[in-house]
Amino acid sequence: MFEPIAVCPTRRWEPAFGHACDRLRALQPEHPRVYAVAAMSDHGKRRWWRLSDGLREGRIELMYRRHVAEMVNADIAAEVVATALIHAVVGRVAALLVAEGRAWDPGLENLWVHTDNDGGIDWAGLSDTTIRVVEGDPLEGRPGVVALPCERALQVWLAHRCAAALTLVQAAMWRCAGLSPRRFWALVAEAVVGAATYVPDLAGTSSQRGADRGQALLVELQGRGLPVRRSCLVR
C-alpha cells in the first residue's frame, strides 16, 4: 500500500501535484518516469516539445522516420510511435485515475513530451499541473486542486480532454505512417486496459475499483464517438 509522502517544501510544484507524482514514481522505482509527469515550470526546454507544436511542426513524422530506419518493419515502427504518444496522452493519466480517482489535464495545449537520445518519447510534462478530484477527496481544498461533483463528472471531463488530443494524434499517424484508425483506437483501449490491470497491483489499491474506472473511461471515450474497444476489465 502507498504510505503518505511528505512533499519537499523547496519544490515549486503545487503540493497536490508533487504528491501525485511521488506516488506514480513509486509504482516502478527502477523506472520512475514510466507513469509520472513533470511540471514544466521546473524544467528547461531542452528535448521538450509541446504536443500541439509537434503536430504542426512534423515532429511525429520525424519520430516515425527515425524508427523506420532502425526497424525492419514499418508497421511496427508506426505502432511504436503511436503507443508512445498514446501513453503520453492517456496512459499516464489513466494510471492516476485507476489508482486514486484523480486526474491532471491531458489536453493538447497543456501536454509536453520529452525525447531521449534516440528521438523516442521517454517522459511527459504539463504546463498546468492542476489536479482534478471528486468532492470528498482528502486533497479537496488544497492549492492546485479542483473538485468535481462525482466520478462520472471526472470521467466525462477526462474523456473530453483526452479525445481532442488523441484525435489529432491519430490523424497525424494516418498521414505519416498509414496507421489505420481501427488499429490506433485499439492501441488507445490497450493503454487504458493496461493501466487498469497493472497499476492497482503496483499501487496496492483495489483491482476491482481500478477495473471499473478504466471501463468507465473507455465508455466515455466511446460515447464521444471514438471507436475504442470496450474490453472487459473485471478480473
C-alpha atoms as a PDB file:
ATOM      1  CA  MET A   1       0.000   0.000   0.000  1.00  0.00           C
ATOM      2  CA  PHE A   2       1.072   3.571  -0.555  1.00  0.00           C
ATOM      3  CA  GLU A   3       2.188   5.449   2.540  1.00  0.00           C
ATOM      4  CA  PRO A   4       1.687   9.216   2.897  1.00  0.00           C
ATOM      5  CA  ILE A   5       4.618  11.040   1.350  1.00  0.00           C
ATOM      6  CA  ALA A   6       5.798  14.389   2.651  1.00  0.00           C
ATOM      7  CA  VAL A   7       6.226  16.976  -0.072  1.00  0.00           C
ATOM      8  CA  CYS A   8       9.563  18.758  -0.065  1.00  0.00           C
ATOM      9  CA  PRO A   9       8.947  22.473   0.757  1.00  0.00           C
ATOM     10  CA  THR A  10      11.596  23.569  -1.755  1.00  0.00           C
ATOM     11  CA  ARG A  11       9.563  22.245  -4.701  1.00  0.00           C
ATOM     12  CA  ARG A  12       7.796  24.814  -6.813  1.00  0.00           C
ATOM     13  CA  TRP A  13       5.033  22.354  -7.738  1.00  0.00           C
ATOM     14  CA  GLU A  14       1.624  22.635  -6.149  1.00  0.00           C
ATOM     15  CA  PRO A  15       1.690  20.159  -3.228  1.00  0.00           C
ATOM     16  CA  ALA A  16      -1.102  18.035  -4.712  1.00  0.00           C
ATOM     17  CA  PHE A  17       0.768  17.580  -7.984  1.00  0.00           C
ATOM     18  CA  GLY A  18       4.002  16.715  -6.202  1.00  0.00           C
ATOM     19  CA  HIS A  19       2.106  14.197  -4.092  1.00  0.00           C
ATOM     20  CA  ALA A  20       0.604  12.577  -7.209  1.00  0.00           C
ATOM     21  CA  CYS A  21       3.967  12.354  -8.942  1.00  0.00           C
ATOM     22  CA  ASP A  22       5.638  10.847  -5.881  1.00  0.00           C
ATOM     23  CA  ARG A  23       3.034   8.092  -5.900  1.00  0.00           C
ATOM     24  CA  LEU A  24       3.345   7.455  -9.623  1.00  0.00           C
ATOM     25  CA  ARG A  25       7.144   7.323  -9.467  1.00  0.00           C
ATOM     26  CA  ALA A  26       6.841   4.799  -6.644  1.00  0.00           C
ATOM     27  CA  LEU A  27       4.904   2.388  -8.868  1.00  0.00           C
ATOM     28  CA  GLN A  28       8.149   1.392 -10.609  1.00  0.00           C
ATOM     29  CA  PRO A  29      11.052   2.799  -8.563  1.00  0.00           C
ATOM     30  CA  GLU A  30      13.629   1.499 -11.038  1.00  0.00           C
ATOM     31  CA  HIS A  31      11.846   3.328 -13.877  1.00  0.00           C
ATOM     32  CA  PRO A  32      10.227   6.351 -12.205  1.00  0.00           C
ATOM     33  CA  ARG A  33       9.315   8.116 -15.465  1.00  0.00           C
ATOM     34  CA  VAL A  34       7.052   5.355 -16.736  1.00  0.00           C
ATOM     35  CA  TYR A  35       3.878   6.835 -15.232  1.00  0.00           C
ATOM     36  CA  ALA A  36       4.832  10.179 -13.688  1.00  0.00           C
ATOM     37  CA  VAL A  37       4.822  13.533 -15.447  1.00  0.00           C
ATOM     38  CA  ALA A  38       6.886  16.678 -14.913  1.00  0.00           C
ATOM     39  CA  ALA A  39       5.944  20.248 -14.105  1.00  0.00           C
ATOM     40  CA  MET A  40       7.296  22.284 -16.991  1.00  0.00           C
ATOM     41  CA  SER A  41       7.891  25.248 -14.699  1.00  0.00           C
ATOM     42  CA  ASP A  42      10.674  23.183 -13.120  1.00  0.00           C
ATOM     43  CA  HIS A  43      12.403  22.180 -16.354  1.00  0.00           C
ATOM     44  CA  GLY A  44      14.294  23.744 -19.212  1.00  0.00           C
ATOM     45  CA  LYS A  45      13.020  23.122 -22.707  1.00  0.00           C
ATOM     46  CA  ARG A  46      15.932  21.024 -23.991  1.00  0.00           C
ATOM     47  CA  ARG A  47      14.473  17.916 -25.660  1.00  0.00           C
ATOM     48  CA  TRP A  48      10.985  19.017 -24.630  1.00  0.00           C
ATOM     49  CA  TRP A  49       8.273  19.999 -27.101  1.00  0.00           C
ATOM     50  CA  ARG A  50       4.643  20.854 -26.699  1.00  0.00           C
ATOM     51  CA  LEU A  51       2.434  18.219 -28.311  1.00  0.00           C
ATOM     52  CA  SER A  52       0.390  20.823 -30.171  1.00  0.00           C
ATOM     53  CA  ASP A  53       3.577  22.309 -31.641  1.00  0.00           C
ATOM     54  CA  GLY A  54       4.913  18.883 -32.567  1.00  0.00           C
ATOM     55  CA  LEU A  55       1.789  18.110 -34.570  1.00  0.00           C
ATOM     56  CA  ARG A  56       2.202  21.309 -36.569  1.00  0.00           C
ATOM     57  CA  GLU A  57       5.971  21.075 -36.983  1.00  0.00           C
ATOM     58  CA  GLY A  58       6.196  17.500 -38.239  1.00  0.00           C
ATOM     59  CA  ARG A  59       7.911  16.066 -35.154  1.00  0.00           C
ATOM     60  CA  ILE A  60       5.727  12.970 -35.203  1.00  0.00           C
ATOM     61  CA  GLU A  61       6.667  12.265 -38.798  1.00  0.00           C
ATOM     62  CA  LEU A  62      10.331  12.694 -37.861  1.00  0.00           C
ATOM     63  CA  MET A  63       9.944  10.237 -34.974  1.00  0.00           C
ATOM     64  CA  TYR A  64       8.338   7.742 -37.313  1.00  0.00           C
ATOM     65  CA  ARG A  65      11.125   8.051 -39.896  1.00  0.00           C
ATOM     66  CA  ARG A  66      13.772   7.505 -37.234  1.00  0.00           C
ATOM     67  CA  HIS A  67      12.044   4.363 -36.017  1.00  0.00           C
ATOM     68  CA  VAL A  68      11.573   3.063 -39.557  1.00  0.00           C
ATOM     69  CA  ALA A  69      15.314   3.488 -40.131  1.00  0.00           C
ATOM     70  CA  GLU A  70      16.014   1.274 -37.109  1.00  0.00           C
ATOM     71  CA  MET A  71      13.385  -1.403 -37.706  1.00  0.00           C
ATOM     72  CA  VAL A  72      12.784  -3.872 -40.499  1.00  0.00           C
ATOM     73  CA  ASN A  73       9.012  -3.411 -40.381  1.00  0.00           C
ATOM     74  CA  ALA A  74       7.425  -0.002 -40.975  1.00  0.00           C
ATOM     75  CA  ASP A  75       4.117  -1.141 -39.460  1.00  0.00           C
ATOM     76  CA  ILE A  76       5.850  -1.994 -36.188  1.00  0.00           C
ATOM     77  CA  ALA A  77       7.593   1.384 -36.241  1.00  0.00           C
ATOM     78  CA  ALA A  78       4.234   3.110 -36.631  1.00  0.00           C
ATOM     79  CA  GLU A  79       2.777   1.229 -33.669  1.00  0.00           C
ATOM     80  CA  VAL A  80       5.803   2.008 -31.502  1.00  0.00           C
ATOM     81  CA  VAL A  81       5.437   5.743 -32.153  1.00  0.00           C
ATOM     82  CA  ALA A  82       1.660   5.666 -31.722  1.00  0.00           C
ATOM     83  CA  THR A  83       1.915   3.708 -28.468  1.00  0.00           C
ATOM     84  CA  ALA A  84       4.390   6.210 -27.011  1.00  0.00           C
ATOM     85  CA  LEU A  85       2.151   9.148 -27.914  1.00  0.00           C
ATOM     86  CA  ILE A  86      -0.965   7.411 -26.600  1.00  0.00           C
ATOM     87  CA  HIS A  87       0.793   6.645 -23.337  1.00  0.00           C
ATOM     88  CA  ALA A  88       1.769  10.306 -23.016  1.00  0.00           C
ATOM     89  CA  VAL A  89      -1.808  11.467 -23.545  1.00  0.00           C
ATOM     90  CA  VAL A  90      -3.952   8.876 -21.782  1.00  0.00           C
ATOM     91  CA  GLY A  91      -1.812   6.049 -20.379  1.00  0.00           C
ATOM     92  CA  ARG A  92      -0.109   8.133 -17.702  1.00  0.00           C
ATOM     93  CA  VAL A  93      -3.213   9.947 -16.501  1.00  0.00           C
ATOM     94  CA  ALA A  94      -5.160   6.665 -16.548  1.00  0.00           C
ATOM     95  CA  ALA A  95      -2.651   5.324 -14.026  1.00  0.00           C
ATOM     96  CA  LEU A  96      -3.537   8.106 -11.578  1.00  0.00           C
ATOM     97  CA  LEU A  97      -7.225   7.704 -12.338  1.00  0.00           C
ATOM     98  CA  VAL A  98      -7.440   3.962 -11.679  1.00  0.00           C
ATOM     99  CA  ALA A  99      -5.277   4.110  -8.550  1.00  0.00           C
ATOM    100  CA  GLU A 100      -6.687   7.213  -6.877  1.00  0.00           C
ATOM    101  CA  GLY A 101      -9.668   8.558  -8.816  1.00  0.00           C
ATOM    102  CA  ARG A 102      -7.753  11.746  -9.705  1.00  0.00           C
ATOM    103  CA  ALA A 103      -6.505  13.280 -12.945  1.00  0.00           C
ATOM    104  CA  TRP A 104      -4.475  16.110 -14.436  1.00  0.00           C
ATOM    105  CA  ASP A 105      -5.314  17.868 -17.687  1.00  0.00           C
ATOM    106  CA  PRO A 106      -4.013  15.861 -20.699  1.00  0.00           C
ATOM    107  CA  GLY A 107      -5.275  18.457 -23.154  1.00  0.00           C
ATOM    108  CA  LEU A 108      -3.311  19.103 -26.323  1.00  0.00           C
ATOM    109  CA  GLU A 109      -2.162  22.592 -25.346  1.00  0.00           C
ATOM    110  CA  ASN A 110      -1.192  21.504 -21.828  1.00  0.00           C
ATOM    111  CA  LEU A 111       0.896  18.437 -22.654  1.00  0.00           C
ATOM    112  CA  TRP A 112       4.627  18.320 -23.406  1.00  0.00           C
ATOM    113  CA  VAL A 113       6.768  15.334 -24.350  1.00  0.00           C
ATOM    114  CA  HIS A 114      10.460  14.691 -23.733  1.00  0.00           C
ATOM    115  CA  THR A 115      12.648  12.751 -26.152  1.00  0.00           C
ATOM    116  CA  ASP A 116      15.694  10.640 -25.390  1.00  0.00           C
ATOM    117  CA  ASN A 117      18.980  10.475 -27.305  1.00  0.00           C
ATOM    118  CA  ASP A 118      17.381   8.254 -29.950  1.00  0.00           C
ATOM    119  CA  GLY A 119      14.424  10.563 -30.513  1.00  0.00           C
ATOM    120  CA  GLY A 120      11.915   8.364 -28.673  1.00  0.00           C
ATOM    121  CA  ILE A 121       9.496   9.660 -26.036  1.00  0.00           C
ATOM    122  CA  ASP A 122      10.618   8.865 -22.502  1.00  0.00           C
ATOM    123  CA  TRP A 123       8.705  11.391 -20.373  1.00  0.00           C
ATOM    124  CA  ALA A 124       5.805  13.814 -20.412  1.00  0.00           C
ATOM    125  CA  GLY A 125       5.187  17.178 -18.796  1.00  0.00           C
ATOM    126  CA  LEU A 126       2.401  19.652 -18.056  1.00  0.00           C
ATOM    127  CA  SER A 127       2.154  23.423 -18.245  1.00  0.00           C
ATOM    128  CA  ASP A 128      -0.820  23.491 -15.855  1.00  0.00           C
ATOM    129  CA  THR A 129      -0.414  20.940 -13.063  1.00  0.00           C
ATOM    130  CA  THR A 130      -3.865  21.350 -11.506  1.00  0.00           C
ATOM    131  CA  ILE A 131      -5.232  18.048 -10.220  1.00  0.00           C
ATOM    132  CA  ARG A 132      -8.930  17.211 -10.585  1.00  0.00           C
ATOM    133  CA  VAL A 133     -10.522  15.188  -7.785  1.00  0.00           C
ATOM    134  CA  VAL A 134     -14.012  14.171  -6.728  1.00  0.00           C
ATOM    135  CA  GLU A 135     -15.763  16.050  -3.932  1.00  0.00           C
ATOM    136  CA  GLY A 136     -14.851  14.472  -0.590  1.00  0.00           C
ATOM    137  CA  ASP A 137     -11.323  13.581  -1.717  1.00  0.00           C
ATOM    138  CA  PRO A 138      -8.709  14.313   1.000  1.00  0.00           C
ATOM    139  CA  LEU A 139      -6.982  16.691  -1.429  1.00  0.00           C
ATOM    140  CA  GLU A 140     -10.098  18.827  -1.879  1.00  0.00           C
ATOM    141  CA  GLY A 141      -9.434  22.429  -0.917  1.00  0.00           C
ATOM    142  CA  ARG A 142      -5.663  22.228  -1.282  1.00  0.00           C
ATOM    143  CA  PRO A 143      -3.755  24.552  -3.617  1.00  0.00           C
ATOM    144  CA  GLY A 144      -3.662  23.281  -7.191  1.00  0.00           C
ATOM    145  CA  VAL A 145      -6.793  21.123  -6.799  1.00  0.00           C
ATOM    146  CA  VAL A 146     -10.216  21.427  -8.440  1.00  0.00           C
ATOM    147  CA  ALA A 147     -13.060  19.253  -7.143  1.00  0.00           C
ATOM    148  CA  LEU A 148     -15.731  17.835  -9.456  1.00  0.00           C
ATOM    149  CA  PRO A 149     -19.093  16.660  -8.085  1.00  0.00           C
ATOM    150  CA  CYS A 150     -18.748  12.923  -8.790  1.00  0.00           C
ATOM    151  CA  GLU A 151     -16.618  10.289 -10.521  1.00  0.00           C
ATOM    152  CA  ARG A 152     -18.873  10.386 -13.578  1.00  0.00           C
ATOM    153  CA  ALA A 153     -18.149  14.104 -13.933  1.00  0.00           C
ATOM    154  CA  LEU A 154     -14.431  13.404 -13.654  1.00  0.00           C
ATOM    155  CA  GLN A 155     -14.626  10.656 -16.283  1.00  0.00           C
ATOM    156  CA  VAL A 156     -16.608  12.862 -18.680  1.00  0.00           C
ATOM    157  CA  TRP A 157     -14.142  15.732 -18.280  1.00  0.00           C
ATOM    158  CA  LEU A 158     -11.122  13.466 -18.715  1.00  0.00           C
ATOM    159  CA  ALA A 159     -12.547  11.761 -21.807  1.00  0.00           C
ATOM    160  CA  HIS A 160     -13.255  15.168 -23.344  1.00  0.00           C
ATOM    161  CA  ARG A 161      -9.693  16.381 -22.736  1.00  0.00           C
ATOM    162  CA  CYS A 162      -8.118  13.149 -23.997  1.00  0.00           C
ATOM    163  CA  ALA A 163     -10.356  12.888 -27.042  1.00  0.00           C
ATOM    164  CA  ALA A 164      -9.250  16.132 -28.663  1.00  0.00           C
ATOM    165  CA  ALA A 165      -5.559  15.309 -28.320  1.00  0.00           C
ATOM    166  CA  LEU A 166      -5.919  11.670 -29.366  1.00  0.00           C
ATOM    167  CA  THR A 167      -7.970  12.531 -32.443  1.00  0.00           C
ATOM    168  CA  LEU A 168      -5.253  14.832 -33.763  1.00  0.00           C
ATOM    169  CA  VAL A 169      -2.523  12.306 -32.971  1.00  0.00           C
ATOM    170  CA  GLN A 170      -4.498   9.619 -34.805  1.00  0.00           C
ATOM    171  CA  ALA A 171      -4.813  11.837 -37.863  1.00  0.00           C
ATOM    172  CA  ALA A 172      -1.071  12.543 -37.788  1.00  0.00           C
ATOM    173  CA  MET A 173      -0.234   8.831 -37.552  1.00  0.00           C
ATOM    174  CA  TRP A 174      -2.507   8.103 -40.518  1.00  0.00           C
ATOM    175  CA  ARG A 175      -0.892  10.816 -42.640  1.00  0.00           C
ATOM    176  CA  CYS A 176       2.738   9.996 -41.917  1.00  0.00           C
ATOM    177  CA  ALA A 177       2.646   6.245 -41.348  1.00  0.00           C
ATOM    178  CA  GLY A 178      -0.635   4.950 -42.735  1.00  0.00           C
ATOM    179  CA  LEU A 179      -1.605   3.537 -39.316  1.00  0.00           C
ATOM    180  CA  SER A 180      -5.255   2.605 -39.625  1.00  0.00           C
ATOM    181  CA  PRO A 181      -7.773   4.336 -37.346  1.00  0.00           C
ATOM    182  CA  ARG A 182      -9.026   0.942 -36.213  1.00  0.00           C
ATOM    183  CA  ARG A 183      -5.566  -0.089 -35.009  1.00  0.00           C
ATOM    184  CA  PHE A 184      -4.861   3.297 -33.427  1.00  0.00           C
ATOM    185  CA  TRP A 185      -8.010   3.236 -31.302  1.00  0.00           C
ATOM    186  CA  ALA A 186      -7.349  -0.373 -30.359  1.00  0.00           C
ATOM    187  CA  LEU A 187      -3.976   0.810 -29.019  1.00  0.00           C
ATOM    188  CA  VAL A 188      -5.777   3.503 -27.016  1.00  0.00           C
ATOM    189  CA  ALA A 189      -8.029   0.850 -25.483  1.00  0.00           C
ATOM    190  CA  GLU A 190      -4.992  -1.313 -24.714  1.00  0.00           C
ATOM    191  CA  ALA A 191      -3.345   1.607 -22.909  1.00  0.00           C
ATOM    192  CA  VAL A 192      -6.373   2.125 -20.669  1.00  0.00           C
ATOM    193  CA  VAL A 193      -6.856  -1.603 -20.074  1.00  0.00           C
ATOM    194  CA  GLY A 194      -3.159  -1.979 -19.276  1.00  0.00           C
ATOM    195  CA  ALA A 195      -3.264   0.787 -16.683  1.00  0.00           C
ATOM    196  CA  ALA A 196      -6.459  -0.602 -15.157  1.00  0.00           C
ATOM    197  CA  THR A 197      -4.966  -4.098 -14.993  1.00  0.00           C
ATOM    198  CA  TYR A 198      -1.448  -3.485 -13.712  1.00  0.00           C
ATOM    199  CA  VAL A 199      -1.444  -0.194 -11.802  1.00  0.00           C
ATOM    200  CA  PRO A 200      -3.767  -1.240  -8.946  1.00  0.00           C
ATOM    201  CA  ASP A 201      -1.477  -4.204  -8.230  1.00  0.00           C
ATOM    202  CA  LEU A 202       1.582  -1.941  -8.251  1.00  0.00           C
ATOM    203  CA  ALA A 203      -0.178   0.648  -6.098  1.00  0.00           C
ATOM    204  CA  GLY A 204      -1.722  -1.798  -3.653  1.00  0.00           C
ATOM    205  CA  THR A 205      -5.208  -0.462  -4.373  1.00  0.00           C
ATOM    206  CA  SER A 206      -8.445  -2.217  -5.288  1.00  0.00           C
ATOM    207  CA  SER A 207      -8.193  -4.152  -8.549  1.00  0.00           C
ATOM    208  CA  GLN A 208     -11.966  -4.115  -8.991  1.00  0.00           C
ATOM    209  CA  ARG A 209     -12.165  -0.363  -8.410  1.00  0.00           C
ATOM    210  CA  GLY A 210      -9.374   0.205 -10.896  1.00  0.00           C
ATOM    211  CA  ALA A 211     -11.080  -2.022 -13.457  1.00  0.00           C
ATOM    212  CA  ASP A 212     -14.352  -0.134 -13.031  1.00  0.00           C
ATOM    213  CA  ARG A 213     -12.621   3.211 -13.506  1.00  0.00           C
ATOM    214  CA  GLY A 214     -10.808   2.007 -16.599  1.00  0.00           C
ATOM    215  CA  GLN A 215     -14.029   0.632 -18.070  1.00  0.00           C
ATOM    216  CA  ALA A 216     -15.825   3.900 -17.309  1.00  0.00           C
ATOM    217  CA  LEU A 217     -13.167   5.904 -19.143  1.00  0.00           C
ATOM    218  CA  LEU A 218     -13.477   3.653 -22.199  1.00  0.00           C
ATOM    219  CA  VAL A 219     -17.252   4.057 -22.119  1.00  0.00           C
ATOM    220  CA  GLU A 220     -16.928   7.845 -22.044  1.00  0.00           C
ATOM    221  CA  LEU A 221     -14.426   7.805 -24.908  1.00  0.00           C
ATOM    222  CA  GLN A 222     -16.772   5.541 -26.858  1.00  0.00           C
ATOM    223  CA  GLY A 223     -19.596   7.955 -26.105  1.00  0.00           C
ATOM    224  CA  ARG A 224     -17.602  10.723 -27.771  1.00  0.00           C
ATOM    225  CA  GLY A 225     -17.593   8.718 -30.988  1.00  0.00           C
ATOM    226  CA  LEU A 226     -14.131   7.187 -30.605  1.00  0.00           C
ATOM    227  CA  PRO A 227     -14.049   3.504 -31.656  1.00  0.00           C
ATOM    228  CA  VAL A 228     -12.228   2.131 -28.642  1.00  0.00           C
ATOM    229  CA  ARG A 229     -12.899  -1.446 -27.653  1.00  0.00           C
ATOM    230  CA  ARG A 230     -14.990  -1.928 -24.557  1.00  0.00           C
ATOM    231  CA  SER A 231     -12.718  -4.628 -23.203  1.00  0.00           C
ATOM    232  CA  CYS A 232     -13.927  -6.321 -20.042  1.00  0.00           C
ATOM    233  CA  LEU A 233     -11.715  -5.266 -17.134  1.00  0.00           C
ATOM    234  CA  VAL A 234     -13.290  -7.474 -14.468  1.00  0.00           C
ATOM    235  CA  ARG A 235     -10.626  -9.770 -13.086  1.00  0.00           C
END
